[in-house]
N, C-alpha and C. Protein backbone atom coordinates (compact mmCIF):
# COMPACT_ATOMS: atom_id res chain seq x y z
N MET A 1 2.17 9.52 -17.28
CA MET A 1 1.47 8.34 -16.81
C MET A 1 1.67 8.04 -15.55
N THR A 2 0.76 8.10 -14.59
CA THR A 2 0.89 7.83 -13.10
C THR A 2 1.32 6.24 -12.78
N PRO A 3 2.25 6.26 -12.37
CA PRO A 3 2.86 4.67 -12.00
C PRO A 3 1.70 3.96 -11.04
N ARG A 4 1.54 2.74 -11.23
CA ARG A 4 0.39 2.13 -10.14
C ARG A 4 1.42 1.01 -9.61
N VAL A 5 1.31 1.25 -8.40
CA VAL A 5 2.56 0.40 -7.10
C VAL A 5 1.80 -0.53 -6.34
N ALA A 6 2.03 -1.63 -6.49
CA ALA A 6 1.14 -2.64 -5.52
C ALA A 6 2.10 -2.91 -4.24
N LEU A 7 1.60 -2.82 -3.14
CA LEU A 7 2.20 -3.09 -1.89
C LEU A 7 1.62 -4.38 -1.29
N ILE A 8 2.37 -5.28 -0.85
CA ILE A 8 1.86 -6.61 -0.29
C ILE A 8 3.17 -6.89 0.85
N ALA A 9 2.79 -7.55 2.00
CA ALA A 9 3.65 -7.78 2.68
C ALA A 9 3.01 -8.96 3.77
N HIS A 10 3.92 -10.17 3.98
CA HIS A 10 3.42 -10.91 5.15
C HIS A 10 3.51 -10.53 6.53
N ASP A 11 2.59 -11.05 7.52
CA ASP A 11 2.63 -10.44 8.58
C ASP A 11 3.84 -10.18 9.51
N MET A 12 4.81 -10.87 9.28
CA MET A 12 6.02 -10.63 9.89
C MET A 12 6.85 -9.56 9.18
N LYS A 13 6.37 -8.67 8.19
CA LYS A 13 6.94 -7.75 7.46
C LYS A 13 6.01 -6.60 7.09
N LYS A 14 4.90 -6.62 7.96
CA LYS A 14 3.97 -5.60 7.81
C LYS A 14 4.48 -4.25 8.48
N ASP A 15 5.19 -4.53 9.50
CA ASP A 15 5.85 -3.02 10.20
C ASP A 15 6.76 -2.60 9.00
N ASP A 16 7.49 -3.45 8.40
CA ASP A 16 8.71 -3.00 7.52
C ASP A 16 7.93 -2.19 6.45
N ILE A 17 6.94 -2.66 6.00
CA ILE A 17 6.43 -2.10 4.73
C ILE A 17 5.77 -0.73 5.08
N VAL A 18 5.09 -0.68 6.10
CA VAL A 18 4.60 0.59 6.78
C VAL A 18 5.79 1.59 7.13
N ALA A 19 6.81 1.09 7.39
CA ALA A 19 7.82 2.07 7.60
C ALA A 19 8.43 2.45 6.24
N LEU A 20 8.56 1.53 5.20
CA LEU A 20 8.99 2.02 4.05
C LEU A 20 8.05 3.02 3.34
N ALA A 21 6.79 2.70 3.41
CA ALA A 21 5.82 3.80 2.92
C ALA A 21 5.96 5.09 3.65
N GLY A 22 6.29 5.04 4.80
CA GLY A 22 6.49 6.34 5.55
C GLY A 22 7.74 7.11 4.78
N GLU A 23 8.78 6.14 4.68
CA GLU A 23 10.05 6.78 4.21
C GLU A 23 9.84 7.37 2.81
N PHE A 24 8.79 6.79 1.70
CA PHE A 24 8.80 7.15 0.55
C PHE A 24 7.49 7.77 0.24
N ALA A 25 6.69 8.26 1.48
CA ALA A 25 5.59 8.70 1.52
C ALA A 25 5.24 9.76 0.16
N ALA A 26 6.11 10.69 0.10
CA ALA A 26 6.02 11.89 -1.06
C ALA A 26 6.05 11.09 -2.58
N THR A 27 6.81 10.10 -2.43
CA THR A 27 6.96 9.62 -3.84
C THR A 27 5.69 8.60 -4.11
N LEU A 28 5.25 8.11 -2.99
CA LEU A 28 4.10 7.01 -3.16
C LEU A 28 2.82 8.02 -3.21
N ALA A 29 2.85 9.12 -2.90
CA ALA A 29 1.56 10.08 -2.94
C ALA A 29 1.42 10.18 -4.34
N GLN A 30 2.34 10.27 -5.17
CA GLN A 30 2.20 10.62 -6.77
C GLN A 30 1.88 9.35 -7.36
N CYS A 31 1.70 8.27 -6.82
CA CYS A 31 1.35 7.09 -7.49
C CYS A 31 -0.01 6.61 -7.37
N ARG A 32 -0.55 5.81 -7.96
CA ARG A 32 -1.86 5.08 -7.61
C ARG A 32 -1.27 3.79 -6.89
N LEU A 33 -1.89 3.58 -5.58
CA LEU A 33 -1.48 2.59 -5.05
C LEU A 33 -2.59 1.51 -4.54
N VAL A 34 -2.21 0.09 -4.72
CA VAL A 34 -2.85 -0.94 -4.76
C VAL A 34 -2.19 -1.99 -3.70
N ALA A 35 -3.09 -2.49 -2.64
CA ALA A 35 -2.55 -3.21 -1.89
C ALA A 35 -3.59 -4.41 -1.27
N THR A 36 -2.67 -5.43 -0.73
CA THR A 36 -3.68 -6.53 -0.14
C THR A 36 -4.49 -5.95 1.03
N GLY A 37 -5.58 -6.40 1.63
CA GLY A 37 -6.26 -5.79 2.65
C GLY A 37 -5.67 -5.12 3.95
N THR A 38 -4.98 -6.01 4.67
CA THR A 38 -4.37 -5.34 5.81
C THR A 38 -3.28 -4.68 5.77
N THR A 39 -2.48 -4.86 4.61
CA THR A 39 -1.26 -4.21 4.32
C THR A 39 -1.71 -2.70 3.96
N GLY A 40 -2.80 -2.66 3.04
CA GLY A 40 -3.17 -1.40 2.76
C GLY A 40 -3.84 -0.61 3.65
N ALA A 41 -4.74 -1.15 4.59
CA ALA A 41 -5.29 -0.34 5.76
C ALA A 41 -4.12 0.12 6.58
N ARG A 42 -3.25 -0.65 7.02
CA ARG A 42 -2.22 -0.14 7.68
C ARG A 42 -1.35 0.97 7.19
N ILE A 43 -0.86 0.94 6.02
CA ILE A 43 -0.27 2.19 5.21
C ILE A 43 -1.28 3.27 5.12
N ALA A 44 -2.32 3.09 4.80
CA ALA A 44 -3.44 4.27 4.67
C ALA A 44 -3.42 4.95 6.09
N ALA A 45 -3.63 4.23 7.12
CA ALA A 45 -3.99 4.93 8.37
C ALA A 45 -2.78 5.54 9.02
N ALA A 46 -1.38 4.82 8.57
CA ALA A 46 -0.16 5.50 9.06
C ALA A 46 0.13 6.70 8.46
N HIS A 47 0.01 6.83 7.09
CA HIS A 47 0.35 7.87 6.40
C HIS A 47 -0.32 8.57 5.55
N GLY A 48 -1.78 8.47 5.61
CA GLY A 48 -2.70 9.24 4.86
C GLY A 48 -2.62 8.97 3.52
N LEU A 49 -2.08 7.78 2.94
CA LEU A 49 -2.06 7.64 1.51
C LEU A 49 -3.33 6.99 1.03
N GLU A 50 -3.73 7.25 -0.15
CA GLU A 50 -4.99 6.66 -0.58
C GLU A 50 -4.64 5.13 -1.39
N VAL A 51 -5.15 4.30 -0.67
CA VAL A 51 -4.61 2.80 -1.30
C VAL A 51 -6.00 2.34 -1.67
N GLU A 52 -6.01 1.64 -2.97
CA GLU A 52 -7.07 0.71 -3.38
C GLU A 52 -6.73 -0.69 -2.60
N ARG A 53 -7.69 -1.09 -1.83
CA ARG A 53 -7.44 -2.45 -1.05
C ARG A 53 -8.01 -3.48 -1.66
N LYS A 54 -7.14 -4.62 -1.74
CA LYS A 54 -7.89 -5.99 -2.43
C LYS A 54 -8.28 -6.69 -1.16
N LEU A 55 -8.37 -8.11 -1.34
CA LEU A 55 -8.80 -9.04 -0.09
C LEU A 55 -7.58 -9.09 0.58
N SER A 56 -7.53 -9.67 1.51
CA SER A 56 -6.07 -10.19 2.16
C SER A 56 -5.60 -11.30 1.53
N GLY A 57 -4.09 -11.36 1.50
CA GLY A 57 -3.31 -12.45 0.65
C GLY A 57 -4.04 -13.94 0.74
N PRO A 58 -4.24 -14.24 1.88
CA PRO A 58 -4.73 -15.76 2.10
C PRO A 58 -6.07 -15.97 1.44
N PHE A 59 -6.67 -14.73 1.26
CA PHE A 59 -8.29 -14.91 0.59
C PHE A 59 -8.25 -14.48 -0.81
N GLY A 60 -7.14 -14.23 -1.49
CA GLY A 60 -6.94 -14.22 -2.91
C GLY A 60 -6.70 -12.80 -3.36
N GLY A 61 -5.98 -11.87 -2.32
CA GLY A 61 -5.61 -10.62 -2.73
C GLY A 61 -4.23 -10.57 -3.61
N ASP A 62 -3.46 -11.46 -3.21
CA ASP A 62 -2.30 -11.77 -4.27
C ASP A 62 -2.72 -12.11 -5.76
N LEU A 63 -3.78 -12.90 -5.84
CA LEU A 63 -4.28 -13.30 -7.01
C LEU A 63 -4.79 -12.06 -7.81
N GLN A 64 -5.69 -11.32 -7.14
CA GLN A 64 -6.18 -10.13 -7.53
C GLN A 64 -5.28 -9.18 -8.44
N ILE A 65 -4.49 -8.94 -7.46
CA ILE A 65 -3.06 -8.18 -7.95
C ILE A 65 -2.47 -8.73 -9.07
N GLY A 66 -2.31 -10.08 -9.14
CA GLY A 66 -1.51 -10.54 -10.12
C GLY A 66 -2.41 -10.69 -11.42
N ALA A 67 -3.76 -10.51 -11.51
CA ALA A 67 -4.41 -10.61 -12.53
C ALA A 67 -4.63 -8.97 -13.03
N GLU A 68 -4.41 -8.18 -12.49
CA GLU A 68 -4.22 -6.67 -12.83
C GLU A 68 -3.10 -6.37 -13.46
N LEU A 69 -1.94 -7.34 -12.90
CA LEU A 69 -0.40 -7.07 -13.39
C LEU A 69 -0.51 -7.69 -14.93
N ALA A 70 -1.33 -8.87 -14.89
CA ALA A 70 -1.35 -9.66 -16.12
C ALA A 70 -2.09 -8.96 -17.43
N GLU A 71 -2.91 -7.91 -16.75
CA GLU A 71 -3.66 -6.90 -18.01
C GLU A 71 -2.79 -5.83 -17.98
N GLY A 72 -1.48 -5.56 -17.65
CA GLY A 72 -0.77 -4.41 -17.59
C GLY A 72 -1.28 -3.28 -16.72
N ARG A 73 -1.88 -3.32 -15.85
CA ARG A 73 -2.47 -2.50 -14.75
C ARG A 73 -1.41 -2.16 -13.45
N VAL A 74 -0.42 -2.79 -13.43
CA VAL A 74 0.37 -2.82 -12.19
C VAL A 74 1.89 -2.60 -12.92
N ASP A 75 2.59 -1.44 -12.43
CA ASP A 75 3.80 -0.87 -12.91
C ASP A 75 5.02 -1.53 -12.11
N VAL A 76 4.92 -1.70 -10.79
CA VAL A 76 5.81 -1.93 -9.83
C VAL A 76 4.97 -2.99 -8.62
N VAL A 77 5.63 -4.02 -8.34
CA VAL A 77 5.33 -4.81 -7.08
C VAL A 77 6.29 -4.69 -6.17
N ILE A 78 6.08 -4.45 -5.02
CA ILE A 78 6.70 -4.37 -3.62
C ILE A 78 6.17 -5.42 -2.80
N PHE A 79 6.71 -6.59 -2.62
CA PHE A 79 6.05 -7.89 -1.93
C PHE A 79 7.26 -8.26 -1.10
N LEU A 80 7.11 -7.82 0.34
CA LEU A 80 7.89 -8.03 1.24
C LEU A 80 7.66 -9.43 1.99
N ARG A 81 8.21 -10.44 1.33
CA ARG A 81 7.93 -11.80 1.79
C ARG A 81 8.68 -12.22 3.14
N ASP A 82 8.07 -13.09 4.00
CA ASP A 82 8.95 -13.59 5.23
C ASP A 82 9.31 -15.08 4.74
N PRO A 83 10.66 -15.09 4.29
CA PRO A 83 11.26 -16.51 4.06
C PRO A 83 11.38 -17.36 5.01
N MET A 84 11.20 -16.96 6.32
CA MET A 84 11.31 -17.93 7.46
C MET A 84 10.00 -18.60 7.64
N THR A 85 8.93 -17.99 7.60
CA THR A 85 7.56 -18.44 8.02
C THR A 85 6.89 -19.29 6.73
N PRO A 86 6.33 -20.47 6.69
CA PRO A 86 5.84 -21.12 5.57
C PRO A 86 4.49 -20.49 5.75
N GLN A 87 4.02 -20.24 4.25
CA GLN A 87 2.94 -19.66 3.92
C GLN A 87 2.00 -20.42 3.36
N PRO A 88 0.69 -20.70 4.05
CA PRO A 88 -0.26 -21.53 3.24
C PRO A 88 -0.72 -21.31 1.95
N HIS A 89 -0.35 -20.10 1.43
CA HIS A 89 -0.89 -19.66 0.21
C HIS A 89 0.49 -19.47 -0.62
N GLU A 90 1.59 -20.40 -0.40
CA GLU A 90 2.61 -20.15 -1.34
C GLU A 90 2.42 -20.09 -3.08
N PRO A 91 1.55 -20.96 -3.25
CA PRO A 91 1.38 -20.84 -4.75
C PRO A 91 0.87 -19.59 -5.17
N ASP A 92 -0.12 -19.31 -4.58
CA ASP A 92 -0.35 -17.90 -5.02
C ASP A 92 0.77 -16.74 -4.96
N ILE A 93 1.49 -16.83 -3.99
CA ILE A 93 2.74 -15.92 -3.80
C ILE A 93 3.52 -16.12 -5.28
N ASN A 94 4.07 -17.57 -5.22
CA ASN A 94 4.84 -17.88 -6.45
C ASN A 94 4.29 -17.55 -7.79
N ALA A 95 3.01 -17.45 -7.88
CA ALA A 95 2.23 -17.15 -9.02
C ALA A 95 2.27 -15.66 -9.47
N LEU A 96 2.34 -14.72 -8.51
CA LEU A 96 2.61 -13.63 -8.59
C LEU A 96 3.91 -13.14 -9.12
N VAL A 97 4.74 -13.57 -8.20
CA VAL A 97 6.21 -13.21 -8.58
C VAL A 97 6.52 -13.69 -10.12
N ARG A 98 6.06 -14.83 -10.21
CA ARG A 98 6.41 -15.48 -11.89
C ARG A 98 5.60 -14.69 -12.73
N ALA A 99 4.47 -13.89 -12.56
CA ALA A 99 3.85 -13.02 -13.39
C ALA A 99 4.68 -11.72 -13.56
N CYS A 100 5.54 -11.40 -12.42
CA CYS A 100 6.19 -10.26 -12.70
C CYS A 100 7.26 -10.33 -13.72
N ASP A 101 7.91 -11.62 -13.63
CA ASP A 101 8.70 -11.94 -14.56
C ASP A 101 8.30 -12.21 -15.93
N VAL A 102 7.12 -12.87 -16.12
CA VAL A 102 6.61 -12.91 -17.55
C VAL A 102 6.07 -11.65 -18.01
N HIS A 103 5.87 -10.66 -17.22
CA HIS A 103 5.33 -9.42 -17.92
C HIS A 103 6.42 -8.39 -17.61
N ASN A 104 7.53 -8.76 -17.31
CA ASN A 104 8.65 -7.61 -17.33
C ASN A 104 8.26 -6.53 -16.23
N VAL A 105 7.72 -6.91 -15.19
CA VAL A 105 7.34 -5.80 -14.10
C VAL A 105 8.39 -5.84 -12.92
N ALA A 106 8.91 -4.91 -12.43
CA ALA A 106 9.62 -4.76 -11.39
C ALA A 106 9.28 -5.05 -10.21
N CYS A 107 10.02 -6.24 -9.47
CA CYS A 107 9.31 -6.68 -8.20
C CYS A 107 10.58 -6.78 -7.22
N ALA A 108 9.98 -6.18 -6.15
CA ALA A 108 11.08 -6.29 -5.07
C ALA A 108 10.43 -7.31 -3.91
N THR A 109 11.15 -8.23 -3.51
CA THR A 109 10.86 -9.11 -2.19
C THR A 109 11.57 -8.76 -1.05
N ASN A 110 12.31 -7.98 -0.90
CA ASN A 110 13.19 -7.33 0.25
C ASN A 110 13.23 -6.02 0.36
N LEU A 111 13.55 -5.48 1.42
CA LEU A 111 13.88 -3.99 1.76
C LEU A 111 15.03 -3.21 0.73
N ALA A 112 16.06 -4.02 0.58
CA ALA A 112 17.03 -3.19 -0.21
C ALA A 112 16.59 -3.16 -1.67
N THR A 113 16.01 -4.20 -2.27
CA THR A 113 15.51 -3.88 -3.46
C THR A 113 14.51 -2.96 -3.58
N ALA A 114 13.45 -3.12 -2.53
CA ALA A 114 12.15 -2.10 -2.44
C ALA A 114 12.53 -0.71 -2.49
N ARG A 115 13.86 -0.38 -1.87
CA ARG A 115 14.46 1.06 -1.77
C ARG A 115 15.07 1.29 -3.10
N MET A 116 15.71 0.53 -3.72
CA MET A 116 16.24 0.72 -5.02
C MET A 116 15.16 1.04 -6.02
N ILE A 117 14.46 0.28 -6.14
CA ILE A 117 12.97 0.69 -6.84
C ILE A 117 12.35 2.04 -6.64
N LEU A 118 12.17 2.13 -5.40
CA LEU A 118 11.35 3.43 -5.02
C LEU A 118 12.28 4.73 -5.26
N ASP A 119 13.64 4.45 -4.93
CA ASP A 119 14.61 5.53 -5.23
C ASP A 119 14.52 5.93 -6.84
N ASP A 120 14.38 4.83 -7.72
CA ASP A 120 14.56 5.12 -8.95
C ASP A 120 12.93 5.75 -9.37
N LEU A 121 12.00 5.31 -8.96
CA LEU A 121 10.93 6.05 -9.16
C LEU A 121 10.60 7.29 -8.74
N LYS A 122 11.35 7.58 -7.63
CA LYS A 122 11.33 9.15 -7.03
C LYS A 122 12.13 10.10 -8.16
N LEU A 123 13.22 9.41 -8.55
CA LEU A 123 13.94 10.37 -9.51
C LEU A 123 13.11 10.28 -10.86
N ARG A 124 12.32 9.36 -11.24
CA ARG A 124 11.47 9.32 -12.51
C ARG A 124 10.42 10.53 -12.43
N LEU A 125 9.86 10.46 -11.16
CA LEU A 125 8.59 11.32 -10.86
C LEU A 125 9.18 12.84 -10.81
N GLY A 126 10.46 12.96 -10.20
CA GLY A 126 10.81 14.30 -10.07
C GLY A 126 11.18 15.00 -11.53
N ARG A 127 11.59 13.98 -12.54
CA ARG A 127 11.63 14.56 -13.87
C ARG A 127 10.58 14.77 -14.45
N ALA A 128 9.41 14.33 -14.11
CA ALA A 128 8.15 14.25 -14.92
C ALA A 128 7.50 15.53 -15.05
């Protein structure tokens, strides 16, 4: 089964997620990728990865991904959050992270955890 990976980043973390996607481009190329609007566009443009784009986060992209996650269609969430900047759609963000907990889906909200999850995914795909 091909893993489906969701990629989301707040504005101040978009450069970080684009760099992370470049670091793991070979691994992510073996996955089905879904992302919020701007994040997905930036990753696709920078690395040539195929990314299914949802709405931007403030317009419901987080909720769209959360709905798919609840239906069992997302295996991993990488959500680089900016803890220093208040987010007007914070309830949507909390709902997505909570959905990961409820449905036992791996969720990284910072680079250290994202790298650990992607390193594990790389090993698993290498054995596939």
